[in-house]
Amino acid sequence: MTLQADRGNGVCAAAGRVRIAALCLVAVAASGCANNMISHGPAVTDGSGLPVSTLIPNQAMQITPALSLSVETMIVGALVVWAVDPLAPNWQLAQAPLGADRMRISLRKKRFTSGGDGEAAQLFARRAEKLKSDGGYAAYAVLEYTEGIESSLPIAQRVAQGVIELKR
């Protein structure tokens, strides 16, 4: 069973991604539909001066009199926000039973974060405490715990895992 860590604000990763994607789509749609907000840049032409159609229009959305955003900038911004996903939890937790009263807890940190490097031990202890209280156990003992960095493409990730024994 895989569980995701809570960042304390109650926003789950999927809902955050949907909100961000919807906001980006609205911005791009508005840039293509609202003609009074669009400033048309110079047309793209070939060597003989004939107009050439492009995949991304050469247009910009006028945000303020001094600020305009091109469609390319909005698309790149949407892709960066999608990849980084600042509202997603920093750690992904997975747990697996290893017998009647033993449990393996594994943690994997997301690739792009702005902190949270020292949270693994806290999340591990919080999950162990929750397993203890939800199962009606009196205590738990940490049998092993390791932290490290897993080299994977495109960017390495912090990982942690441990085994606990639940005691009645």
Foldseek 3Di string as FASTA:
>chain_A
DKDFDDPPPPDALVNLLVVLVVVLVVVLVCQVPVVVQKDADDFDADPVRHGDDDPAHRIWGCPDPVDIGGSVRSVVVSVVCNQQVANHGQKMWDKDDPDDFKMKIKIKGRFHYDDDPPCPVVVVVVVLVVVQVVVVFDDKDWPDKDWDWADDPPGIIIMMMTMMGTHD
